[in-house]
Amino acid sequence: MTLYRQIAILVSGIFLILLSTILMVSFSIVKDSAQKELYENAQNSVSSLSLSLNSTDMTQGAIETMINASFDNGNYERITFVDIDNNKVYERTKEIQTANIPVWFEKFVAFEVPVAKAKLSSGWQVIGTLEILNNRSITYFQLYNIMMSMVIYLGLACIVFLLILSYIFHVILRPLLAIEKQAQAVMKNEFVIQEKLPW
């Protein structure tokens, strides 16, 4: 293997490792940020809904009506009302839709979001807890698009870098290649005069 190829492979390998590291670190930061935002949105939603429920007469029908209205108009994976004995009184759920996301990515990015909770009270008496879990499907889809964009842009950057690197190596190593050819010619008793001397 020529010196040119050895150097090219070494530098290319180092560059690919750096790009992969940048990709993984950047995606990890984006994922953590999305996960945190998902929980904060759920916490805001459960706080708002609990305040609305606390202002009603707290009947079973009123609670179910408010939960249904919020669930139908929001992007939630689950809204649950449990009593003080932790018995599930009412719940609305929705399955995560990941049809547009590859299975490998779903397994790779899967994360658990803490359930946002708020106490419900009637007067001074706590009657239960409201729990909200935001729907993760949109976040998964957004993360998938972000990762694909990062892969494409970093891939293009890698190609451009390798082309520039190839040109630079070709220019730098050209004198060495000329010397190598001259040495091979000498071994064959052929004496070649270098018209253009190396730098």
C-alpha atoms as a PDB file:
ATOM      1  CA  MET A   1       0.000   0.000   0.000  1.00  0.00           C
ATOM      2  CA  THR A   2       1.363   3.396  -0.981  1.00  0.00           C
ATOM      3  CA  LEU A   3       2.148   6.146   1.513  1.00  0.00           C
ATOM      4  CA  TYR A   4      -0.606   8.272  -0.021  1.00  0.00           C
ATOM      5  CA  ARG A   5      -3.254   5.635   0.632  1.00  0.00           C
ATOM      6  CA  GLN A   6      -2.024   4.979   4.166  1.00  0.00           C
ATOM      7  CA  ILE A   7      -2.192   8.665   5.099  1.00  0.00           C
ATOM      8  CA  ALA A   8      -5.553   9.101   3.353  1.00  0.00           C
ATOM      9  CA  ILE A   9      -7.079   6.122   5.175  1.00  0.00           C
ATOM     10  CA  LEU A  10      -5.693   7.264   8.540  1.00  0.00           C
ATOM     11  CA  VAL A  11      -6.909  10.856   8.241  1.00  0.00           C
ATOM     12  CA  SER A  12     -10.261   9.776   6.781  1.00  0.00           C
ATOM     13  CA  GLY A  13     -10.772   7.335   9.645  1.00  0.00           C
ATOM     14  CA  ILE A  14     -10.009  10.005  12.238  1.00  0.00           C
ATOM     15  CA  PHE A  15     -12.358  12.440  10.503  1.00  0.00           C
ATOM     16  CA  LEU A  16     -15.176   9.875  10.349  1.00  0.00           C
ATOM     17  CA  ILE A  17     -14.745   9.116  14.050  1.00  0.00           C
ATOM     18  CA  LEU A  18     -14.928  12.835  14.840  1.00  0.00           C
ATOM     19  CA  LEU A  19     -18.041  13.257  12.694  1.00  0.00           C
ATOM     20  CA  SER A  20     -19.713  10.259  14.330  1.00  0.00           C
ATOM     21  CA  THR A  21     -18.890  11.628  17.776  1.00  0.00           C
ATOM     22  CA  ILE A  22     -20.272  15.051  16.864  1.00  0.00           C
ATOM     23  CA  LEU A  23     -23.421  13.423  15.487  1.00  0.00           C
ATOM     24  CA  MET A  24     -24.028  11.307  18.586  1.00  0.00           C
ATOM     25  CA  VAL A  25     -23.319  14.112  21.067  1.00  0.00           C
ATOM     26  CA  SER A  26     -25.461  16.621  19.165  1.00  0.00           C
ATOM     27  CA  PHE A  27     -28.328  14.167  18.822  1.00  0.00           C
ATOM     28  CA  SER A  28     -28.112  13.267  22.503  1.00  0.00           C
ATOM     29  CA  ILE A  29     -28.410  16.950  23.428  1.00  0.00           C
ATOM     30  CA  VAL A  30     -31.403  17.396  21.102  1.00  0.00           C
ATOM     31  CA  LYS A  31     -33.047  14.252  22.486  1.00  0.00           C
ATOM     32  CA  ASP A  32     -32.601  15.348  26.108  1.00  0.00           C
ATOM     33  CA  SER A  33     -33.977  18.782  25.264  1.00  0.00           C
ATOM     34  CA  ALA A  34     -37.019  17.284  23.519  1.00  0.00           C
ATOM     35  CA  GLN A  35     -37.631  14.922  26.435  1.00  0.00           C
ATOM     36  CA  LYS A  36     -37.458  17.789  28.919  1.00  0.00           C
ATOM     37  CA  GLU A  37     -39.778  19.937  26.805  1.00  0.00           C
ATOM     38  CA  LEU A  38     -42.257  17.063  26.539  1.00  0.00           C
ATOM     39  CA  TYR A  39     -42.431  16.761  30.323  1.00  0.00           C
ATOM     40  CA  GLU A  40     -42.664  20.519  30.875  1.00  0.00           C
ATOM     41  CA  ASN A  41     -45.569  20.754  28.427  1.00  0.00           C
ATOM     42  CA  ALA A  42     -47.317  17.914  30.240  1.00  0.00           C
ATOM     43  CA  GLN A  43     -46.727  19.643  33.580  1.00  0.00           C
ATOM     44  CA  ASN A  44     -48.233  22.870  32.253  1.00  0.00           C
ATOM     45  CA  SER A  45     -51.206  20.952  30.885  1.00  0.00           C
ATOM     46  CA  VAL A  46     -51.875  19.057  34.105  1.00  0.00           C
ATOM     47  CA  SER A  47     -51.604  22.267  36.135  1.00  0.00           C
ATOM     48  CA  SER A  48     -54.058  24.057  33.857  1.00  0.00           C
ATOM     49  CA  LEU A  49     -56.514  21.159  33.786  1.00  0.00           C
ATOM     50  CA  SER A  50     -56.353  20.646  37.548  1.00  0.00           C
ATOM     51  CA  LEU A  51     -57.122  24.330  38.140  1.00  0.00           C
ATOM     52  CA  SER A  52     -60.113  24.064  35.825  1.00  0.00           C
ATOM     53  CA  LEU A  53     -61.332  20.917  37.575  1.00  0.00           C
ATOM     54  CA  ASN A  54     -60.857  22.415  41.037  1.00  0.00           C
ATOM     55  CA  SER A  55     -63.227  25.206  40.055  1.00  0.00           C
ATOM     56  CA  THR A  56     -66.029  22.735  39.217  1.00  0.00           C
ATOM     57  CA  ASP A  57     -68.306  20.766  41.535  1.00  0.00           C
ATOM     58  CA  MET A  58     -65.976  17.738  41.165  1.00  0.00           C
ATOM     59  CA  THR A  59     -68.659  15.259  40.191  1.00  0.00           C
ATOM     60  CA  GLN A  60     -67.712  12.173  38.205  1.00  0.00           C
ATOM     61  CA  GLY A  61     -69.469  13.556  35.151  1.00  0.00           C
ATOM     62  CA  ALA A  62     -67.723  16.924  35.367  1.00  0.00           C
ATOM     63  CA  ILE A  63     -64.314  15.296  35.731  1.00  0.00           C
ATOM     64  CA  GLU A  64     -64.878  12.989  32.761  1.00  0.00           C
ATOM     65  CA  THR A  65     -66.187  15.848  30.609  1.00  0.00           C
ATOM     66  CA  MET A  66     -63.161  18.036  31.329  1.00  0.00           C
ATOM     67  CA  ILE A  67     -60.720  15.181  30.757  1.00  0.00           C
ATOM     68  CA  ASN A  68     -62.418  14.227  27.476  1.00  0.00           C
ATOM     69  CA  ALA A  69     -62.357  17.818  26.236  1.00  0.00           C
ATOM     70  CA  SER A  70     -58.662  18.211  27.048  1.00  0.00           C
ATOM     71  CA  PHE A  71     -57.742  14.819  25.619  1.00  0.00           C
ATOM     72  CA  ASP A  72     -59.598  15.368  22.351  1.00  0.00           C
ATOM     73  CA  ASN A  73     -58.117  18.832  21.830  1.00  0.00           C
ATOM     74  CA  GLY A  74     -54.584  18.015  22.942  1.00  0.00           C
ATOM     75  CA  ASN A  75     -51.752  15.714  22.009  1.00  0.00           C
ATOM     76  CA  TYR A  76     -51.716  13.316  24.929  1.00  0.00           C
ATOM     77  CA  GLU A  77     -50.765   9.702  25.275  1.00  0.00           C
ATOM     78  CA  ARG A  78     -52.657   9.290  28.517  1.00  0.00           C
ATOM     79  CA  ILE A  79     -54.761  11.277  30.985  1.00  0.00           C
ATOM     80  CA  THR A  80     -55.680   9.472  34.185  1.00  0.00           C
ATOM     81  CA  PHE A  81     -57.619  10.394  37.293  1.00  0.00           C
ATOM     82  CA  VAL A  82     -56.890   8.266  40.365  1.00  0.00           C
ATOM     83  CA  ASP A  83     -58.482   8.607  43.788  1.00  0.00           C
ATOM     84  CA  ILE A  84     -56.677   9.010  47.111  1.00  0.00           C
ATOM     85  CA  ASP A  85     -56.420   5.213  47.406  1.00  0.00           C
ATOM     86  CA  ASN A  86     -54.590   5.134  44.063  1.00  0.00           C
ATOM     87  CA  ASN A  87     -57.517   3.450  42.328  1.00  0.00           C
ATOM     88  CA  LYS A  88     -57.986   4.367  38.687  1.00  0.00           C
ATOM     89  CA  VAL A  89     -61.280   6.252  38.394  1.00  0.00           C
ATOM     90  CA  TYR A  90     -61.145   7.411  34.789  1.00  0.00           C
ATOM     91  CA  GLU A  91     -58.603   7.226  31.985  1.00  0.00           C
ATOM     92  CA  ARG A  92     -58.207   8.149  28.327  1.00  0.00           C
ATOM     93  CA  THR A  93     -55.347   6.656  26.333  1.00  0.00           C
ATOM     94  CA  LYS A  94     -53.948   6.808  22.818  1.00  0.00           C
ATOM     95  CA  GLU A  95     -51.410   4.494  21.224  1.00  0.00           C
ATOM     96  CA  ILE A  96     -48.114   5.901  19.991  1.00  0.00           C
ATOM     97  CA  GLN A  97     -48.254   6.195  16.198  1.00  0.00           C
ATOM     98  CA  THR A  98     -44.821   5.470  14.741  1.00  0.00           C
ATOM     99  CA  ALA A  99     -45.764   4.237  11.270  1.00  0.00           C
ATOM    100  CA  ASN A 100     -43.505   6.811   9.584  1.00  0.00           C
ATOM    101  CA  ILE A 101     -40.499   5.940  11.742  1.00  0.00           C
ATOM    102  CA  PRO A 102     -38.204   2.933  11.145  1.00  0.00           C
ATOM    103  CA  VAL A 103     -38.314   0.296  13.872  1.00  0.00           C
ATOM    104  CA  TRP A 104     -34.560   0.537  14.492  1.00  0.00           C
ATOM    105  CA  PHE A 105     -34.827   4.265  15.149  1.00  0.00           C
ATOM    106  CA  GLU A 106     -37.772   3.821  17.489  1.00  0.00           C
ATOM    107  CA  LYS A 107     -35.764   1.321  19.538  1.00  0.00           C
ATOM    108  CA  PHE A 108     -32.679   3.534  19.426  1.00  0.00           C
ATOM    109  CA  VAL A 109     -34.406   6.720  20.567  1.00  0.00           C
ATOM    110  CA  ALA A 110     -37.061   5.243  22.881  1.00  0.00           C
ATOM    111  CA  PHE A 111     -37.271   7.088  26.177  1.00  0.00           C
ATOM    112  CA  GLU A 112     -39.580   7.285  29.149  1.00  0.00           C
ATOM    113  CA  VAL A 113     -41.080  10.623  30.099  1.00  0.00           C
ATOM    114  CA  PRO A 114     -42.043  11.190  33.757  1.00  0.00           C
ATOM    115  CA  VAL A 115     -45.781  11.464  34.225  1.00  0.00           C
ATOM    116  CA  ALA A 116     -46.887  14.979  35.162  1.00  0.00           C
ATOM    117  CA  LYS A 117     -49.145  14.982  38.226  1.00  0.00           C
ATOM    118  CA  ALA A 118     -51.372  17.427  40.087  1.00  0.00           C
ATOM    119  CA  LYS A 119     -53.622  17.022  43.110  1.00  0.00           C
ATOM    120  CA  LEU A 120     -57.370  17.526  42.778  1.00  0.00           C
ATOM    121  CA  SER A 121     -59.306  18.825  45.728  1.00  0.00           C
ATOM    122  CA  SER A 122     -62.868  19.612  46.648  1.00  0.00           C
ATOM    123  CA  GLY A 123     -62.739  22.448  49.113  1.00  0.00           C
ATOM    124  CA  TRP A 124     -59.961  21.545  51.543  1.00  0.00           C
ATOM    125  CA  GLN A 125     -60.196  17.826  50.882  1.00  0.00           C
ATOM    126  CA  VAL A 126     -57.893  16.105  48.384  1.00  0.00           C
ATOM    127  CA  ILE A 127     -59.961  13.692  46.316  1.00  0.00           C
ATOM    128  CA  GLY A 128     -57.329  12.332  43.960  1.00  0.00           C
ATOM    129  CA  THR A 129     -54.523  12.917  41.503  1.00  0.00           C
ATOM    130  CA  LEU A 130     -54.595  13.900  37.855  1.00  0.00           C
ATOM    131  CA  GLU A 131     -51.864  12.384  35.680  1.00  0.00           C
ATOM    132  CA  ILE A 132     -50.902  13.425  32.155  1.00  0.00           C
ATOM    133  CA  LEU A 133     -48.413  11.818  29.790  1.00  0.00           C
ATOM    134  CA  ASN A 134     -47.762  13.689  26.556  1.00  0.00           C
ATOM    135  CA  ASN A 135     -47.797  11.808  23.263  1.00  0.00           C
ATOM    136  CA  ARG A 136     -44.242  10.907  22.258  1.00  0.00           C
ATOM    137  CA  SER A 137     -45.000  10.030  18.627  1.00  0.00           C
ATOM    138  CA  ILE A 138     -44.591  13.593  17.332  1.00  0.00           C
ATOM    139  CA  THR A 139     -41.344  13.962  19.274  1.00  0.00           C
ATOM    140  CA  TYR A 140     -40.052  10.688  17.810  1.00  0.00           C
ATOM    141  CA  PHE A 141     -40.931  11.888  14.316  1.00  0.00           C
ATOM    142  CA  GLN A 142     -39.226  15.248  14.872  1.00  0.00           C
ATOM    143  CA  LEU A 143     -36.125  13.557  16.273  1.00  0.00           C
ATOM    144  CA  TYR A 144     -36.021  11.232  13.263  1.00  0.00           C
ATOM    145  CA  ASN A 145     -36.148  14.178  10.852  1.00  0.00           C
ATOM    146  CA  ILE A 146     -33.468  16.005  12.835  1.00  0.00           C
ATOM    147  CA  MET A 147     -31.184  12.977  12.839  1.00  0.00           C
ATOM    148  CA  MET A 148     -31.640  12.384   9.107  1.00  0.00           C
ATOM    149  CA  SER A 149     -30.840  16.044   8.405  1.00  0.00           C
ATOM    150  CA  MET A 150     -27.730  15.847  10.574  1.00  0.00           C
ATOM    151  CA  VAL A 151     -26.586  12.663   8.825  1.00  0.00           C
ATOM    152  CA  ILE A 152     -27.100  14.233   5.388  1.00  0.00           C
ATOM    153  CA  TYR A 153     -25.297  17.485   6.222  1.00  0.00           C
ATOM    154  CA  LEU A 154     -22.425  15.761   8.003  1.00  0.00           C
ATOM    155  CA  GLY A 155     -22.206  13.245   5.169  1.00  0.00           C
ATOM    156  CA  LEU A 156     -21.915  16.052   2.624  1.00  0.00           C
ATOM    157  CA  ALA A 157     -19.313  17.745   4.814  1.00  0.00           C
ATOM    158  CA  CYS A 158     -17.395  14.467   4.957  1.00  0.00           C
ATOM    159  CA  ILE A 159     -17.446  14.074   1.167  1.00  0.00           C
ATOM    160  CA  VAL A 160     -16.270  17.660   0.626  1.00  0.00           C
ATOM    161  CA  PHE A 161     -13.535  17.204   3.225  1.00  0.00           C
ATOM    162  CA  LEU A 162     -12.308  13.977   1.640  1.00  0.00           C
ATOM    163  CA  LEU A 163     -12.215  15.576  -1.813  1.00  0.00           C
ATOM    164  CA  ILE A 164     -10.224  18.536  -0.498  1.00  0.00           C
ATOM    165  CA  LEU A 165      -7.974  16.183   1.455  1.00  0.00           C
ATOM    166  CA  SER A 166      -7.392  14.060  -1.630  1.00  0.00           C
ATOM    167  CA  TYR A 167      -6.385  17.118  -3.641  1.00  0.00           C
ATOM    168  CA  ILE A 168      -4.062  18.408  -0.898  1.00  0.00           C
ATOM    169  CA  PHE A 169      -2.373  15.028  -0.508  1.00  0.00           C
ATOM    170  CA  HIS A 170      -2.005  14.725  -4.253  1.00  0.00           C
ATOM    171  CA  VAL A 171      -0.260  18.107  -4.427  1.00  0.00           C
ATOM    172  CA  ILE A 172       1.917  17.526  -1.354  1.00  0.00           C
ATOM    173  CA  LEU A 173       2.961  14.002  -2.254  1.00  0.00           C
ATOM    174  CA  ARG A 174       3.524  14.662  -5.961  1.00  0.00           C
ATOM    175  CA  PRO A 175       7.274  15.373  -5.471  1.00  0.00           C
ATOM    176  CA  LEU A 176       7.640  12.166  -3.444  1.00  0.00           C
ATOM    177  CA  LEU A 177       5.922  10.196  -6.179  1.00  0.00           C
ATOM    178  CA  ALA A 178       8.294  11.716  -8.713  1.00  0.00           C
ATOM    179  CA  ILE A 179      11.284  10.744  -6.556  1.00  0.00           C
ATOM    180  CA  GLU A 180       9.868   7.240  -6.193  1.00  0.00           C
ATOM    181  CA  LYS A 181       9.554   6.899  -9.964  1.00  0.00           C
ATOM    182  CA  GLN A 182      13.092   8.186 -10.412  1.00  0.00           C
ATOM    183  CA  ALA A 183      14.415   5.664  -7.865  1.00  0.00           C
ATOM    184  CA  GLN A 184      12.624   2.852  -9.663  1.00  0.00           C
ATOM    185  CA  ALA A 185      14.101   4.066 -12.938  1.00  0.00           C
ATOM    186  CA  VAL A 186      17.620   4.074 -11.452  1.00  0.00           C
ATOM    187  CA  MET A 187      17.135   0.466 -10.357  1.00  0.00           C
ATOM    188  CA  LYS A 188      16.440  -0.311 -14.006  1.00  0.00           C
ATOM    189  CA  ASN A 189      19.559   1.612 -15.071  1.00  0.00           C
ATOM    190  CA  GLU A 190      17.390   4.368 -16.444  1.00  0.00           C
ATOM    191  CA  PHE A 191      18.487   7.839 -15.451  1.00  0.00           C
ATOM    192  CA  VAL A 192      15.722  10.415 -15.493  1.00  0.00           C
ATOM    193  CA  ILE A 193      16.493  14.087 -15.058  1.00  0.00           C
ATOM    194  CA  GLN A 194      14.050  15.983 -12.859  1.00  0.00           C
ATOM    195  CA  GLU A 195      13.212  19.132 -14.755  1.00  0.00           C
ATOM    196  CA  LYS A 196      11.095  20.460 -11.901  1.00  0.00           C
ATOM    197  CA  LEU A 197      12.697  20.140  -8.498  1.00  0.00           C
ATOM    198  CA  PRO A 198      10.575  19.464  -5.389  1.00  0.00           C
ATOM    199  CA  TRP A 199       9.857  22.371  -3.082  1.00  0.00           C
END
